[in-house]
Amino acid sequence: MPQSEQDQLQTVIDQIQSADWDGITEQMHQQGFALIRQVLSPQQCEQLQQLYPQDALYRKTVEMQRYRFGLGEYKYFNYPLPNLIEQMRHEIYPRLAPIANAWFRVLKIERTFPPSHPEFLQQCQRHGQMLATPLILKYGQGGFNTLHQDLYGDVYFPLQLVIVLSQPNSDFSGGEFVLTQQNPRAQSKAVVIQPQQGDVLIFTTQFKPEKGSQGYYRVNIKHGVSPILQGERYSLGIIFHDAVS
């Protein structure tokens, strides 16, 4: 018997709660990204893809080529968010806030992230940031996303998520997720990741701390998507801070 939508949502919550968060925390400290495998089912990924044409759900559509962001299109959801996305933010944020606080503490940045996501959104609202930032991105053959950072105002959370909704090597080829790390006075390092359909990739929004001989310093990080060689690639981006209007 197919699972009900509520049962499917509970399965996602269970997957998140049972993930190895100690291991994820260590990976974030060491490399600035971590994967949680198979959080969303193929059916849930397909359902999210089917939301893409429903324009009433979105506040803004961006043609990437127009702004030299790449080649493709993405749409920002409006509030209220689809329940699955809302619940994922609600469940994952409290597990990432201690990482964010540790990073800001060692880098001597005076900001503390509250333990719950609703409290963090209140911080955003006090700075005039009230627009939803989760988005669905669609790339066709030849599509790509230039290296960038997702900052939408003075208040930002230093970690975010992406879930590939299509199946690599079946729905599309190419389209790897790319992270670049820029150490001070050093060449950039590139990391190429190919999450499978339904995996949650946690990664750094702007920078992570690195320990050097003089203490901690910032490693600047950008992300993008390599060209799609064939097929279509859909992905869901989940950002924890809101945007200024």
Protein backbone atom coordinates (compact mmCIF):
# COMPACT_ATOMS: atom_id res chain seq x y z
CA MET A 1 0.00 0.00 0.00
CA PRO A 2 1.45 3.44 -0.92
CA GLN A 3 2.44 5.65 2.00
CA SER A 4 0.20 8.61 2.77
CA GLU A 5 1.73 12.08 2.49
CA GLN A 6 1.89 12.28 6.30
CA ASP A 7 3.64 8.91 6.51
CA GLN A 8 6.12 10.02 3.85
CA LEU A 9 6.80 13.21 5.79
CA GLN A 10 7.32 11.22 8.99
CA THR A 11 9.81 8.99 7.15
CA VAL A 12 11.80 12.09 6.15
CA ILE A 13 11.76 13.37 9.74
CA ASP A 14 12.91 9.95 10.98
CA GLN A 15 15.73 9.92 8.41
CA ILE A 16 16.90 13.35 9.58
CA GLN A 17 16.67 12.49 13.27
CA SER A 18 18.53 9.19 12.86
CA ALA A 19 21.37 10.65 10.77
CA ASP A 20 24.89 10.58 12.24
CA TRP A 21 24.97 14.20 13.35
CA ASP A 22 28.26 13.81 15.20
CA GLY A 23 29.83 12.58 11.98
CA ILE A 24 28.12 15.31 9.95
CA THR A 25 29.39 17.96 12.38
CA GLU A 26 32.94 16.66 12.03
CA GLN A 27 32.67 16.64 8.22
CA MET A 28 31.39 20.22 8.22
CA HIS A 29 34.31 21.33 10.39
CA GLN A 30 36.85 19.47 8.25
CA GLN A 31 35.61 19.97 4.69
CA GLY A 32 32.61 22.33 4.71
CA PHE A 33 30.09 19.83 3.32
CA ALA A 34 28.35 16.57 4.24
CA LEU A 35 25.84 14.22 2.61
CA ILE A 36 22.79 12.55 4.15
CA ARG A 37 21.82 9.74 1.80
CA GLN A 38 18.30 9.02 0.56
CA VAL A 39 16.33 11.43 2.73
CA LEU A 40 13.64 11.96 0.08
CA SER A 41 12.05 9.10 -1.82
CA PRO A 42 11.89 9.10 -5.65
CA GLN A 43 8.15 9.75 -5.31
CA GLN A 44 8.74 12.84 -3.14
CA CYS A 45 11.36 14.11 -5.58
CA GLU A 46 8.89 13.66 -8.44
CA GLN A 47 6.17 15.47 -6.48
CA LEU A 48 8.50 18.43 -5.89
CA GLN A 49 9.37 18.53 -9.60
CA GLN A 50 5.66 18.66 -10.38
CA LEU A 51 5.38 21.87 -8.33
CA TYR A 52 7.64 23.69 -10.78
CA PRO A 53 4.93 24.78 -13.28
CA GLN A 54 2.55 25.92 -10.51
CA ASP A 55 3.34 29.64 -10.68
CA ALA A 56 1.06 30.58 -7.77
CA LEU A 57 3.54 28.91 -5.38
CA TYR A 58 6.39 31.26 -6.28
CA ARG A 59 7.26 34.88 -5.63
CA LYS A 60 9.96 35.29 -8.30
CA THR A 61 11.33 33.56 -11.40
CA VAL A 62 14.92 34.17 -12.51
CA GLU A 63 16.25 33.47 -16.01
CA MET A 64 19.91 32.85 -15.20
CA GLN A 65 21.34 33.84 -18.59
CA ARG A 66 19.84 37.32 -18.31
CA TYR A 67 21.97 38.08 -15.23
CA ARG A 68 25.00 36.04 -16.35
CA PHE A 69 24.36 33.61 -13.51
CA GLY A 70 24.61 30.66 -15.90
CA LEU A 71 22.07 28.97 -18.14
CA GLY A 72 18.81 27.72 -16.64
CA GLU A 73 15.93 28.98 -14.54
CA TYR A 74 14.97 29.02 -10.89
CA LYS A 75 11.93 30.02 -8.89
CA TYR A 76 11.76 31.25 -5.29
CA PHE A 77 8.87 29.88 -3.27
CA ASN A 78 6.51 32.25 -1.52
CA TYR A 79 5.28 31.79 2.04
CA PRO A 80 3.65 29.57 3.14
CA LEU A 81 6.19 27.01 1.98
CA PRO A 82 5.19 23.48 0.97
CA ASN A 83 4.94 21.43 4.16
CA LEU A 84 7.85 19.12 3.30
CA ILE A 85 10.24 22.06 2.83
CA GLU A 86 8.98 23.79 5.98
CA GLN A 87 9.48 20.63 8.04
CA MET A 88 12.97 20.04 6.68
CA ARG A 89 14.04 23.54 7.70
CA HIS A 90 12.42 23.04 11.10
CA GLU A 91 14.18 19.70 11.71
CA ILE A 92 17.63 20.40 10.27
CA TYR A 93 18.28 23.97 11.47
CA PRO A 94 18.59 23.08 15.21
CA ARG A 95 21.22 20.46 14.34
CA LEU A 96 23.26 22.95 12.32
CA ALA A 97 22.99 25.96 14.66
CA PRO A 98 25.70 24.61 17.04
CA ILE A 99 28.08 24.28 14.06
CA ALA A 100 27.30 27.84 12.95
CA ASN A 101 27.83 29.17 16.47
CA ALA A 102 31.15 27.32 16.81
CA TRP A 103 32.37 28.80 13.52
CA PHE A 104 31.40 32.35 14.40
CA ARG A 105 32.91 31.97 17.87
CA VAL A 106 36.37 30.88 16.66
CA LEU A 107 36.34 33.59 13.96
CA LYS A 108 35.34 36.18 16.58
CA ILE A 109 32.19 37.24 14.72
CA GLU A 110 29.66 38.73 17.13
CA ARG A 111 26.50 36.88 16.20
CA THR A 112 24.71 34.02 17.94
CA PHE A 113 22.24 31.78 16.17
CA PRO A 114 19.21 30.85 18.30
CA PRO A 115 18.35 27.17 18.85
CA SER A 116 15.14 27.13 16.77
CA HIS A 117 14.45 28.20 13.20
CA PRO A 118 11.39 30.37 14.04
CA GLU A 119 13.60 32.39 16.41
CA PHE A 120 16.20 32.83 13.67
CA LEU A 121 13.53 34.04 11.23
CA GLN A 122 12.58 36.66 13.81
CA GLN A 123 16.18 37.93 13.63
CA CYS A 124 15.79 38.18 9.85
CA GLN A 125 12.51 40.06 10.18
CA ARG A 126 14.06 42.62 12.52
CA HIS A 127 16.50 43.42 9.69
CA GLY A 128 13.76 43.73 7.07
CA GLN A 129 14.34 40.24 5.65
CA MET A 130 10.91 38.65 5.22
CA LEU A 131 10.90 36.95 1.79
CA ALA A 132 11.22 33.18 1.44
CA THR A 133 14.45 31.90 -0.12
CA PRO A 134 13.90 28.14 -0.79
CA LEU A 135 13.91 27.58 -4.53
CA ILE A 136 13.67 25.00 -7.28
CA LEU A 137 16.25 25.14 -10.07
CA LYS A 138 15.81 23.66 -13.53
CA TYR A 139 18.60 23.07 -16.06
CA GLY A 140 18.35 21.63 -19.56
CA GLN A 141 21.15 20.40 -21.80
CA GLY A 142 24.05 22.85 -21.66
CA GLY A 143 22.69 24.46 -18.48
CA PHE A 144 25.06 25.44 -15.69
CA ASN A 145 25.32 27.68 -12.63
CA THR A 146 28.27 30.02 -12.14
CA LEU A 147 30.13 30.05 -8.82
CA HIS A 148 28.28 32.19 -6.28
CA GLN A 149 27.12 32.64 -2.68
CA ASP A 150 23.48 32.87 -1.53
CA LEU A 151 23.39 35.98 0.67
CA TYR A 152 20.18 37.99 0.81
CA GLY A 153 20.76 40.60 3.51
CA ASP A 154 22.78 41.42 6.62
CA VAL A 155 21.50 38.35 8.48
CA TYR A 156 22.48 35.01 6.98
CA PHE A 157 22.90 31.44 8.18
CA PRO A 158 26.30 30.02 7.16
CA LEU A 159 25.03 26.57 6.09
CA GLN A 160 22.43 25.54 3.52
CA LEU A 161 21.05 22.48 1.72
CA VAL A 162 20.56 21.22 -1.80
CA ILE A 163 18.62 18.12 -2.87
CA VAL A 164 18.91 16.85 -6.45
CA LEU A 165 15.38 15.90 -7.52
CA SER A 166 16.44 14.14 -10.75
CA GLN A 167 18.47 10.92 -10.97
CA PRO A 168 22.06 11.35 -12.22
CA ASN A 169 23.06 9.13 -15.17
CA SER A 170 19.38 8.44 -15.85
CA ASP A 171 17.48 11.75 -16.04
CA PHE A 172 20.64 13.72 -16.83
CA SER A 173 24.41 13.45 -17.17
CA GLY A 174 27.01 16.02 -16.15
CA GLY A 175 25.58 18.62 -13.79
CA GLU A 176 27.93 17.94 -10.89
CA PHE A 177 27.79 20.15 -7.80
CA VAL A 178 31.00 22.19 -7.50
CA LEU A 179 32.45 23.83 -4.39
CA THR A 180 35.53 26.06 -4.50
CA GLN A 181 37.60 26.91 -1.44
CA GLN A 182 39.77 30.03 -1.51
CA ASN A 183 42.43 30.14 1.19
CA PRO A 184 44.13 33.50 1.82
CA ARG A 185 47.20 33.91 -0.43
CA ALA A 186 46.66 30.49 -2.04
CA GLN A 187 45.18 29.00 -5.20
CA SER A 188 41.53 27.90 -5.12
CA LYS A 189 40.66 24.26 -4.49
CA ALA A 190 37.67 22.71 -6.29
CA VAL A 191 35.56 19.83 -4.95
CA VAL A 192 33.14 18.05 -7.30
CA ILE A 193 30.20 16.13 -5.79
CA GLN A 194 27.42 14.16 -7.50
CA PRO A 195 24.61 13.55 -4.97
CA GLN A 196 22.05 10.92 -5.91
CA GLN A 197 18.33 11.65 -6.19
CA GLY A 198 16.90 12.42 -2.74
CA ASP A 199 20.25 12.91 -0.98
CA VAL A 200 20.60 16.04 1.18
CA LEU A 201 23.88 17.88 0.66
CA ILE A 202 24.73 20.30 3.47
CA PHE A 203 27.33 22.87 2.51
CA THR A 204 28.85 26.20 3.47
CA THR A 205 27.08 29.37 2.37
CA GLN A 206 30.01 31.80 2.46
CA PHE A 207 33.02 30.65 4.51
CA LYS A 208 34.27 28.14 7.06
CA PRO A 209 37.02 28.46 9.67
CA GLU A 210 40.40 26.83 9.16
CA LYS A 211 43.03 26.53 11.89
CA GLY A 212 46.43 28.02 11.11
CA SER A 213 49.58 28.77 13.08
CA GLN A 214 48.17 32.16 14.14
CA GLY A 215 44.71 30.86 15.07
CA TYR A 216 41.60 30.52 12.93
CA TYR A 217 41.08 32.22 9.58
CA ARG A 218 38.29 32.26 6.98
CA VAL A 219 38.25 29.99 3.95
CA ASN A 220 35.97 31.60 1.38
CA ILE A 221 33.63 29.13 -0.36
CA LYS A 222 31.48 29.42 -3.47
CA HIS A 223 29.26 26.86 -5.17
CA GLY A 224 27.90 26.18 -8.64
CA VAL A 225 26.82 23.45 -11.06
CA SER A 226 28.89 22.11 -13.97
CA PRO A 227 27.26 21.94 -17.44
CA ILE A 228 24.46 19.44 -18.04
CA LEU A 229 25.62 17.17 -20.86
CA GLN A 230 22.18 15.73 -21.59
CA GLY A 231 18.70 15.55 -20.06
CA GLU A 232 17.09 17.78 -17.43
CA ARG A 233 18.27 18.38 -13.87
CA TYR A 234 15.93 19.67 -11.15
CA SER A 235 17.15 20.53 -7.67
CA LEU A 236 15.70 22.01 -4.49
CA GLY A 237 17.72 24.61 -2.60
CA ILE A 238 16.88 25.16 1.06
CA ILE A 239 18.31 28.33 2.55
CA PHE A 240 17.59 29.13 6.19
CA HIS A 241 17.63 32.95 6.09
CA ASP A 242 14.99 35.17 4.51
CA ALA A 243 15.66 37.86 1.90
CA VAL A 244 15.17 41.62 1.94
CA SER A 245 12.28 42.81 -0.21
